[in-house]
Amino acid sequence: MPEAIPSAARKAAFALTATLALLTTACTGQSGSGATDDASKDTTINFWHAWSAPNEVQAVRKLVAGFEKAHPNIHVHIVGDMTDDKINQALRSGGGDAPDVISSFTTNNVGKFCSSGALVDLNPFFKKSGIDPAATFPKTMNEYTQFQGDRCTVPLLGDAYGLYYNKTAFKKAGIAGPPKTWSEFEADAKKLTVPDGDSYKQLGFMPDYHGWESTTEHYFAQFSPTYFDKNGKSNLAKDPAFDKGFTLQKRLVDELGGFRKLERFRSTLGDEWGPKHPFHTGQVAMQLDGEWRLGMALAAKPGFDIGVAPLPVPDDQAAQYGKGYITGTIAGIAATSHKQNAAWELVKYMTTDTDAVVGFSNDLHNVPSTLAALKSPKLTYDPRFKTFLDIAADPDSATTPASVNGGQYLVTIQQFGYDYESGKVTDLKSGLKKTAAQIDTDIAQAK
């Protein structure tokens, strides 16, 4: 995008909440008071982030300390445990205590951040620094930090989703290795399921959409769907990938005991974040989950050997085995900031400095967010973690696209998934059409 000309969509949305002068600052990153600060002079900037656990907070402090050592004139005031709602409120109000730099766990909100003009377009900053984002970040991460040509965010570590499996249970069931296609997965899930009356001694896989991380977007990534057409309309009823994804999941539900039996069993199981997670306890033999699950599962000291692999792919896409769903943390610069050049120095360091990204990844056990960091010999991890590094670097891996109303369309799709798996809706094609129409209506109202 030309540095002096904001997109029409960005201008229309931002005009509702900011003056024309602020709009120019938000788009160009170079004009107005927010872009004329001298980053070589002594200054203090505010950095708001969402991490809250003690080890996470310490990791952020360590990352910032490295930046301050490299930039002794720029001091960073850190504010943690900030939700997107709190961040958005501060971005609207501005002021001396408002953030100059923010990070968020919610890639689904990139469309909101960009279309509202709350965060500046970073393309001019990358150009000024001679950094090519396409050559710096994995393809999927590079895509989910933009909206309609506006790169208002940048990746700051990532999450990759794969398959965890109980090697001991696999051996007992006579299964040689992890399934690579969905037909193999179905067969293995049935072999691994040991009924116990109205319950289970062991369930091969919990397919329900309420089953922890088995959401629609995590399933569907393996089918390579296109969520919106070239006109921005929902593709839910047109792209056969969605039909195939819903059909597969419903078939798994039916084959593994039916929705009601599965839900009764699920209600007896441990929660997602505790040591009694059903994969940790061996009650569920396969689990769709993110890279963080490995450390949590090992800490629970399970009585079996843990295997890690990519999720299966459709049988007719076997050549793409190794891909997965990608998401992650994002960072950006507030349009209301009067210290955008200094803020850019922090953002650039946190997201493109290889050693900084590697160190942060090692401390948080998340996937590095640059191609160089993914290959760094300084990465320290359990050998099984490499599966997630490979998924993140795989060009066939997918994410969910940004939308002007954030992740509302995903909530709508997930709700339809609940209705379909439970039998409340029986006509899949008709249901997909109605759901697509609802998504289009919601987006039109948000513009």
Protein backbone atom coordinates (compact mmCIF):
# COMPACT_ATOMS: atom_id res chain seq x y z
CA MET A 1 0.00 0.00 0.00
CA PRO A 2 1.41 3.48 -0.84
CA GLU A 3 2.65 5.10 2.33
CA ALA A 4 0.56 8.24 2.00
CA ILE A 5 -2.73 6.66 0.95
CA PRO A 6 -4.75 4.58 3.43
CA SER A 7 -7.20 1.98 2.12
CA ALA A 8 -10.79 3.12 1.73
CA ALA A 9 -11.98 0.61 4.28
CA ARG A 10 -9.44 1.76 6.83
CA LYS A 11 -10.30 5.41 6.27
CA ALA A 12 -14.06 4.84 6.55
CA ALA A 13 -13.79 2.86 9.76
CA PHE A 14 -11.23 5.07 11.39
CA ALA A 15 -13.06 8.28 10.62
CA LEU A 16 -15.68 7.23 13.10
CA THR A 17 -13.22 7.25 15.98
CA ALA A 18 -10.37 9.59 15.13
CA THR A 19 -9.53 12.90 13.50
CA LEU A 20 -8.13 13.07 9.99
CA ALA A 21 -4.71 13.92 11.38
CA LEU A 22 -4.69 10.79 13.50
CA LEU A 23 -5.83 8.75 10.51
CA THR A 24 -2.80 9.91 8.54
CA THR A 25 -0.54 8.93 11.41
CA ALA A 26 -2.20 5.51 11.68
CA CYS A 27 -1.77 4.73 8.02
CA THR A 28 1.66 6.08 7.23
CA GLY A 29 3.51 5.67 10.49
CA GLN A 30 5.55 8.67 9.32
CA SER A 31 3.49 11.84 9.52
CA GLY A 32 2.00 13.75 12.42
CA SER A 33 3.23 13.90 16.01
CA GLY A 34 3.11 10.14 16.43
CA ALA A 35 5.78 9.51 13.82
CA THR A 36 8.21 12.39 14.26
CA ASP A 37 9.68 11.26 17.58
CA ASP A 38 13.44 10.76 17.66
CA ALA A 39 14.07 7.17 18.68
CA SER A 40 17.70 7.96 19.46
CA LYS A 41 16.76 10.27 22.34
CA ASP A 42 15.99 9.24 25.91
CA THR A 43 12.35 8.17 26.14
CA THR A 44 9.94 5.81 27.89
CA ILE A 45 7.29 3.75 26.14
CA ASN A 46 4.42 1.66 27.53
CA PHE A 47 4.11 -2.02 26.59
CA TRP A 48 0.85 -3.82 27.42
CA HIS A 49 0.64 -7.60 27.15
CA ALA A 50 -1.71 -10.43 28.12
CA TRP A 51 0.61 -12.88 29.88
CA SER A 52 -0.14 -13.44 33.56
CA ALA A 53 1.46 -16.64 34.89
CA PRO A 54 4.65 -15.98 36.94
CA ASN A 55 6.94 -17.79 34.48
CA GLU A 56 5.35 -15.90 31.57
CA VAL A 57 5.72 -12.52 33.25
CA GLN A 58 9.35 -13.29 33.98
CA ALA A 59 9.91 -14.28 30.34
CA VAL A 60 8.47 -10.94 29.15
CA ARG A 61 10.71 -9.04 31.57
CA LYS A 62 13.74 -10.94 30.30
CA LEU A 63 12.80 -10.15 26.70
CA VAL A 64 12.38 -6.45 27.45
CA ALA A 65 15.62 -6.38 29.44
CA GLY A 66 17.43 -7.62 26.35
CA PHE A 67 15.87 -4.82 24.33
CA GLU A 68 16.79 -2.14 26.88
CA LYS A 69 20.37 -3.40 26.91
CA ALA A 70 20.51 -3.02 23.13
CA HIS A 71 18.68 0.34 23.27
CA PRO A 72 19.78 2.00 26.53
CA ASN A 73 17.98 5.25 25.69
CA ILE A 74 14.54 3.57 25.38
CA HIS A 75 12.94 2.54 28.66
CA VAL A 76 9.94 0.21 28.67
CA HIS A 77 7.15 0.36 31.23
CA ILE A 78 5.51 -3.09 31.22
CA VAL A 79 1.84 -3.70 32.05
CA GLY A 80 0.72 -7.34 32.04
CA ASP A 81 -2.47 -9.40 32.27
CA MET A 82 -4.28 -7.13 29.80
CA THR A 83 -7.31 -8.47 27.94
CA ASP A 84 -8.25 -7.28 24.45
CA ASP A 85 -11.18 -5.37 25.93
CA LYS A 86 -8.86 -3.41 28.23
CA ILE A 87 -6.40 -2.85 25.40
CA ASN A 88 -9.11 -1.62 23.02
CA GLN A 89 -10.45 0.80 25.63
CA ALA A 90 -6.96 2.23 26.19
CA LEU A 91 -6.31 2.46 22.45
CA ARG A 92 -9.48 4.53 22.05
CA SER A 93 -8.80 6.87 24.96
CA GLY A 94 -5.06 7.40 24.51
CA GLY A 95 -3.16 9.49 27.04
CA GLY A 96 0.19 9.20 28.78
CA ASP A 97 -0.62 5.90 30.48
CA ALA A 98 -2.03 4.25 27.36
CA PRO A 99 0.06 1.63 25.54
CA ASP A 100 2.49 2.51 22.79
CA VAL A 101 3.00 -1.17 22.02
CA ILE A 102 0.47 -3.96 22.62
CA SER A 103 0.46 -7.72 22.33
CA SER A 104 -2.63 -9.92 22.15
CA PHE A 105 -3.34 -13.65 22.17
CA THR A 106 -6.29 -13.16 19.80
CA THR A 107 -5.43 -13.33 16.11
CA ASN A 108 -9.17 -13.33 15.47
CA ASN A 109 -9.18 -9.63 16.39
CA VAL A 110 -6.65 -8.56 13.75
CA GLY A 111 -9.49 -7.49 11.44
CA LYS A 112 -10.93 -5.28 14.17
CA PHE A 113 -7.55 -3.78 15.08
CA CYS A 114 -6.77 -2.95 11.45
CA SER A 115 -10.18 -1.80 10.16
CA SER A 116 -10.77 0.48 13.17
CA GLY A 117 -7.39 2.15 12.78
CA ALA A 118 -6.54 1.39 16.40
CA LEU A 119 -3.10 0.12 15.38
CA VAL A 120 -0.83 1.66 12.76
CA ASP A 121 0.04 0.02 9.48
CA LEU A 122 3.51 -1.44 9.98
CA ASN A 123 4.34 -1.82 6.28
CA PRO A 124 6.11 1.57 6.11
CA PHE A 125 8.19 0.69 9.18
CA PHE A 126 9.27 -2.64 7.67
CA LYS A 127 10.16 -0.87 4.43
CA LYS A 128 12.12 1.81 6.28
CA SER A 129 14.06 -0.90 8.14
CA GLY A 130 14.70 -2.94 5.01
CA ILE A 131 12.86 -6.00 6.33
CA ASP A 132 10.74 -8.18 4.04
CA PRO A 133 7.96 -9.75 6.15
CA ALA A 134 7.31 -12.45 3.55
CA ALA A 135 10.91 -13.62 3.85
CA THR A 136 10.98 -13.21 7.64
CA PHE A 137 7.85 -14.94 8.92
CA PRO A 138 6.30 -18.34 8.14
CA LYS A 139 3.67 -18.02 5.42
CA THR A 140 0.63 -18.56 7.65
CA MET A 141 1.83 -16.21 10.40
CA ASN A 142 2.60 -13.59 7.78
CA GLU A 143 -0.98 -13.88 6.53
CA TYR A 144 -2.87 -13.75 9.83
CA THR A 145 -1.23 -10.48 10.89
CA GLN A 146 -2.79 -8.54 7.98
CA PHE A 147 -6.24 -7.41 6.93
CA GLN A 148 -7.07 -6.14 3.45
CA GLY A 149 -3.50 -5.07 2.75
CA ASP A 150 -3.04 -3.41 6.14
CA ARG A 151 -0.32 -5.01 8.26
CA CYS A 152 -1.31 -3.56 11.60
CA THR A 153 0.14 -6.47 13.58
CA VAL A 154 3.18 -8.72 13.50
CA PRO A 155 3.72 -12.29 14.82
CA LEU A 156 5.16 -12.67 18.33
CA LEU A 157 5.56 -16.44 18.87
CA GLY A 158 3.05 -18.94 17.53
CA ASP A 159 0.90 -21.94 18.32
CA ALA A 160 0.71 -25.01 16.12
CA TYR A 161 -1.83 -27.81 16.47
CA GLY A 162 -1.06 -31.49 16.06
CA LEU A 163 -1.94 -34.95 17.35
CA TYR A 164 -0.89 -36.41 20.69
CA TYR A 165 -1.21 -40.17 21.03
CA ASN A 166 -0.74 -42.80 23.69
CA LYS A 167 2.05 -45.04 22.36
CA THR A 168 1.36 -47.70 24.97
CA ALA A 169 -2.31 -47.92 23.96
CA PHE A 170 -1.31 -47.99 20.29
CA LYS A 171 1.00 -50.95 20.87
CA LYS A 172 -1.67 -52.82 22.83
CA ALA A 173 -4.17 -52.25 19.99
CA GLY A 174 -1.65 -53.42 17.39
CA ILE A 175 -1.28 -49.99 15.74
CA ALA A 176 2.22 -49.41 14.37
CA GLY A 177 2.26 -45.62 14.23
CA PRO A 178 0.20 -42.42 14.12
CA PRO A 179 -2.49 -42.14 11.42
CA LYS A 180 -1.66 -39.98 8.43
CA THR A 181 -5.07 -39.86 6.75
CA TRP A 182 -8.55 -39.42 8.20
CA SER A 183 -9.58 -42.93 7.15
CA GLU A 184 -6.62 -44.33 9.10
CA PHE A 185 -7.56 -42.07 12.00
CA GLU A 186 -11.16 -43.35 12.03
CA ALA A 187 -9.98 -46.96 12.06
CA ASP A 188 -7.49 -46.28 14.86
CA ALA A 189 -10.00 -44.33 16.97
CA LYS A 190 -12.39 -47.30 16.83
CA LYS A 191 -9.63 -49.82 17.65
CA LEU A 192 -8.53 -47.74 20.62
CA THR A 193 -12.04 -47.41 22.05
CA VAL A 194 -12.86 -49.81 24.86
CA PRO A 195 -16.56 -49.55 25.85
CA ASP A 196 -17.71 -50.04 29.43
CA GLY A 197 -21.50 -50.23 29.38
CA ASP A 198 -22.83 -46.72 28.93
CA SER A 199 -19.32 -45.34 29.31
CA TYR A 200 -15.75 -46.15 28.27
CA LYS A 201 -12.70 -47.72 29.84
CA GLN A 202 -10.77 -45.92 27.11
CA LEU A 203 -11.97 -43.65 24.31
CA GLY A 204 -9.92 -43.54 21.13
CA PHE A 205 -10.65 -39.85 20.52
CA MET A 206 -13.14 -37.28 21.80
CA PRO A 207 -14.56 -35.85 18.55
CA ASP A 208 -17.15 -33.50 20.07
CA TYR A 209 -16.67 -29.78 19.40
CA HIS A 210 -16.83 -29.23 23.16
CA GLY A 211 -13.92 -31.65 23.50
CA TRP A 212 -11.23 -29.19 24.56
CA GLU A 213 -9.30 -28.13 21.40
CA SER A 214 -11.40 -30.01 18.82
CA THR A 215 -13.00 -26.86 17.43
CA THR A 216 -14.26 -26.45 13.88
CA GLU A 217 -11.32 -24.31 12.78
CA HIS A 218 -8.81 -26.85 14.08
CA TYR A 219 -10.49 -29.72 12.22
CA PHE A 220 -11.10 -27.76 9.04
CA ALA A 221 -7.49 -26.59 8.61
CA GLN A 222 -6.65 -30.10 7.47
CA PHE A 223 -9.12 -29.72 4.58
CA SER A 224 -7.58 -26.41 3.34
CA PRO A 225 -10.84 -24.42 3.28
CA THR A 226 -11.41 -20.95 1.83
CA TYR A 227 -13.62 -19.13 4.35
CA PHE A 228 -14.53 -16.15 2.14
CA ASP A 229 -14.80 -15.63 -1.61
CA LYS A 230 -13.16 -12.80 -3.53
CA ASN A 231 -16.11 -10.54 -2.68
CA GLY A 232 -15.81 -11.16 1.04
CA LYS A 233 -18.89 -13.39 1.20
CA SER A 234 -18.93 -16.54 3.31
CA ASN A 235 -17.81 -19.59 1.36
CA LEU A 236 -19.23 -22.02 3.92
CA ALA A 237 -21.90 -23.47 1.63
CA LYS A 238 -19.78 -23.36 -1.54
CA ASP A 239 -16.38 -24.78 -0.62
CA PRO A 240 -16.69 -28.59 -0.36
CA ALA A 241 -13.95 -28.57 2.30
CA PHE A 242 -16.53 -27.49 4.89
CA ASP A 243 -19.00 -30.19 3.91
CA LYS A 244 -16.21 -32.79 4.17
CA GLY A 245 -15.03 -31.44 7.53
CA PHE A 246 -18.47 -31.47 9.13
CA THR A 247 -19.22 -34.89 7.63
CA LEU A 248 -16.02 -36.41 8.99
CA GLN A 249 -16.59 -35.07 12.51
CA LYS A 250 -20.23 -36.21 12.61
CA ARG A 251 -19.23 -39.67 11.40
CA LEU A 252 -16.61 -39.89 14.18
CA VAL A 253 -19.27 -38.88 16.73
CA ASP A 254 -21.63 -41.59 15.49
CA GLU A 255 -18.96 -44.29 15.17
CA LEU A 256 -17.53 -43.73 18.65
CA GLY A 257 -20.80 -44.07 20.52
CA GLY A 258 -23.05 -41.18 19.58
CA PHE A 259 -23.31 -37.63 20.83
CA ARG A 260 -25.17 -38.31 24.09
CA LYS A 261 -22.88 -41.12 25.22
CA LEU A 262 -19.79 -39.09 24.39
CA GLU A 263 -21.11 -36.03 26.20
CA ARG A 264 -21.98 -38.07 29.30
CA PHE A 265 -18.43 -39.42 29.33
CA ARG A 266 -16.94 -35.98 28.73
CA SER A 267 -18.81 -34.60 31.76
CA THR A 268 -16.90 -37.04 33.99
CA LEU A 269 -13.45 -36.08 32.71
CA GLY A 270 -10.89 -33.59 34.00
CA ASP A 271 -10.59 -30.05 32.69
CA GLU A 272 -8.32 -28.88 29.90
CA TRP A 273 -5.69 -27.16 32.05
CA GLY A 274 -5.44 -29.46 35.05
CA PRO A 275 -3.34 -32.59 35.67
CA LYS A 276 -6.47 -34.76 35.25
CA HIS A 277 -6.85 -33.91 31.58
CA PRO A 278 -8.18 -37.18 30.03
CA PHE A 279 -5.16 -37.58 27.78
CA HIS A 280 -2.85 -37.33 30.80
CA THR A 281 -4.85 -39.99 32.63
CA GLY A 282 -5.08 -42.36 29.65
CA GLN A 283 -8.87 -42.12 29.43
CA VAL A 284 -8.57 -40.70 25.89
CA ALA A 285 -5.91 -42.23 23.63
CA MET A 286 -5.58 -39.48 21.00
CA GLN A 287 -5.82 -35.73 21.49
CA LEU A 288 -5.94 -32.78 19.08
CA ASP A 289 -3.95 -30.04 20.84
CA GLY A 290 -1.32 -27.32 20.67
CA GLU A 291 2.40 -27.44 21.35
CA TRP A 292 1.95 -26.46 25.01
CA ARG A 293 0.23 -29.77 25.79
CA LEU A 294 3.51 -31.68 25.67
CA GLY A 295 4.99 -29.92 28.69
CA MET A 296 1.71 -30.14 30.61
CA ALA A 297 1.34 -33.84 29.83
CA LEU A 298 4.90 -34.65 30.87
CA ALA A 299 4.47 -32.67 34.10
CA ALA A 300 1.44 -34.85 34.92
CA LYS A 301 3.75 -37.91 34.83
CA PRO A 302 1.48 -40.18 32.78
CA GLY A 303 1.93 -43.93 32.97
CA PHE A 304 2.55 -44.26 29.23
CA ASP A 305 4.85 -43.05 26.46
CA ILE A 306 3.61 -39.92 24.64
CA GLY A 307 3.78 -39.67 20.88
CA VAL A 308 3.43 -36.47 18.84
CA ALA A 309 2.55 -36.20 15.14
CA PRO A 310 0.79 -33.89 12.70
CA LEU A 311 -2.98 -34.23 12.43
CA PRO A 312 -4.21 -36.49 9.63
CA VAL A 313 -5.23 -35.10 6.25
CA PRO A 314 -7.98 -36.14 3.83
CA ASP A 315 -7.07 -39.25 1.87
CA ASP A 316 -6.97 -37.30 -1.39
CA GLN A 317 -4.52 -34.79 0.16
CA ALA A 318 -2.04 -37.35 1.51
CA ALA A 319 0.87 -35.44 -0.04
CA GLN A 320 0.13 -32.55 2.35
CA TYR A 321 0.54 -34.62 5.51
CA GLY A 322 2.53 -32.53 7.96
CA LYS A 323 0.39 -29.41 7.85
CA GLY A 324 -1.77 -28.08 10.68
CA TYR A 325 -3.64 -25.13 12.14
CA ILE A 326 -1.51 -22.14 13.11
CA THR A 327 -2.26 -19.19 15.34
CA GLY A 328 -0.31 -17.17 17.90
CA THR A 329 0.39 -13.97 19.75
CA ILE A 330 0.48 -10.69 17.84
CA ALA A 331 2.04 -7.29 18.50
CA GLY A 332 1.29 -3.80 17.21
CA ILE A 333 1.78 -0.07 17.69
CA ALA A 334 -1.03 2.17 18.97
CA ALA A 335 -2.27 4.83 16.56
CA THR A 336 -2.61 7.19 19.55
CA SER A 337 1.08 6.81 20.45
CA HIS A 338 3.29 9.88 20.12
CA LYS A 339 6.37 7.65 20.22
CA GLN A 340 5.81 5.39 17.25
CA ASN A 341 9.42 5.31 16.07
CA ALA A 342 10.64 4.25 19.52
CA ALA A 343 7.75 1.80 19.72
CA TRP A 344 8.83 0.32 16.38
CA GLU A 345 12.30 -0.35 17.76
CA LEU A 346 10.74 -2.51 20.50
CA VAL A 347 8.38 -4.28 18.08
CA LYS A 348 11.20 -4.89 15.60
CA TYR A 349 13.43 -6.34 18.32
CA MET A 350 10.79 -8.62 19.84
CA THR A 351 9.56 -9.99 16.53
CA THR A 352 12.52 -10.05 14.11
CA ASP A 353 15.69 -10.34 16.21
CA THR A 354 16.51 -14.05 15.94
CA ASP A 355 18.15 -14.45 19.34
CA ALA A 356 15.34 -12.52 21.04
CA VAL A 357 12.65 -14.67 19.39
CA VAL A 358 14.53 -17.88 20.20
CA GLY A 359 15.05 -16.89 23.83
CA PHE A 360 11.39 -15.97 24.27
CA SER A 361 10.35 -19.24 22.63
CA ASN A 362 12.60 -21.25 24.93
CA ASP A 363 11.19 -19.49 27.99
CA LEU A 364 7.51 -19.85 27.03
CA HIS A 365 7.71 -23.17 25.15
CA ASN A 366 5.83 -21.68 22.20
CA VAL A 367 6.67 -21.96 18.52
CA PRO A 368 9.16 -19.33 17.23
CA SER A 369 7.61 -16.85 14.81
CA THR A 370 10.43 -16.25 12.30
CA LEU A 371 11.87 -18.63 9.73
CA ALA A 372 15.38 -17.99 11.05
CA ALA A 373 14.38 -18.72 14.65
CA LEU A 374 12.69 -21.96 13.63
CA LYS A 375 16.07 -23.19 12.35
CA SER A 376 18.21 -21.74 15.13
CA PRO A 377 20.60 -24.16 16.89
CA LYS A 378 19.93 -22.18 20.08
CA LEU A 379 16.39 -23.55 20.36
CA THR A 380 16.08 -25.93 23.31
CA TYR A 381 13.21 -28.41 23.30
CA ASP A 382 12.09 -31.98 23.74
CA PRO A 383 12.71 -33.80 20.41
CA ARG A 384 8.96 -34.32 20.05
CA PHE A 385 8.47 -30.55 20.00
CA LYS A 386 10.09 -30.45 16.56
CA THR A 387 6.82 -31.73 15.12
CA PHE A 388 5.27 -28.33 15.91
CA LEU A 389 8.23 -26.42 14.50
CA ASP A 390 7.78 -28.33 11.24
CA ILE A 391 4.03 -27.70 11.21
CA ALA A 392 4.63 -23.96 11.70
CA ALA A 393 7.11 -23.88 8.81
CA ASP A 394 4.94 -25.97 6.48
CA PRO A 395 3.57 -23.75 3.65
CA ASP A 396 0.40 -25.86 3.52
CA SER A 397 -0.46 -25.10 7.16
CA ALA A 398 -3.49 -22.85 7.51
CA THR A 399 -5.18 -20.37 9.77
CA THR A 400 -8.53 -18.59 9.88
CA PRO A 401 -8.68 -15.26 8.03
CA ALA A 402 -9.22 -11.89 9.68
CA SER A 403 -12.66 -10.30 9.54
CA VAL A 404 -13.98 -6.84 10.27
CA ASN A 405 -15.97 -8.21 13.22
CA GLY A 406 -13.16 -10.34 14.57
CA GLY A 407 -13.89 -14.01 15.16
CA GLN A 408 -17.68 -13.73 15.20
CA TYR A 409 -17.95 -15.82 12.03
CA LEU A 410 -16.03 -18.62 13.78
CA VAL A 411 -18.43 -18.49 16.73
CA THR A 412 -21.31 -18.80 14.28
CA ILE A 413 -19.73 -21.78 12.53
CA GLN A 414 -18.95 -23.46 15.84
CA GLN A 415 -22.54 -22.99 17.01
CA PHE A 416 -23.76 -24.66 13.84
CA GLY A 417 -21.30 -27.46 14.60
CA TYR A 418 -22.91 -27.99 18.00
CA ASP A 419 -26.34 -28.16 16.39
CA TYR A 420 -25.22 -30.58 13.69
CA GLU A 421 -23.25 -33.00 15.87
CA SER A 422 -26.09 -33.19 18.40
CA GLY A 423 -28.75 -33.90 15.78
CA LYS A 424 -30.58 -30.61 16.27
CA VAL A 425 -29.84 -29.89 12.60
CA THR A 426 -29.96 -32.85 10.20
CA ASP A 427 -29.74 -31.23 6.76
CA LEU A 428 -26.08 -30.27 6.41
CA LYS A 429 -26.27 -28.46 3.08
CA SER A 430 -29.28 -26.37 4.11
CA GLY A 431 -27.65 -25.62 7.45
CA LEU A 432 -24.44 -24.46 5.79
CA LYS A 433 -26.41 -22.07 3.56
CA LYS A 434 -28.26 -20.56 6.53
CA THR A 435 -25.05 -20.24 8.52
CA ALA A 436 -23.28 -18.55 5.60
CA ALA A 437 -26.14 -16.08 5.27
CA GLN A 438 -25.90 -15.26 8.98
CA ILE A 439 -22.14 -14.67 8.67
CA ASP A 440 -22.68 -12.30 5.74
CA THR A 441 -25.37 -10.38 7.65
CA ASP A 442 -23.16 -10.01 10.73
CA ILE A 443 -20.22 -8.74 8.70
CA ALA A 444 -22.38 -6.26 6.77
CA GLN A 445 -23.72 -4.86 10.03
CA ALA A 446 -20.20 -4.51 11.46
CA LYS A 447 -18.95 -2.38 8.59
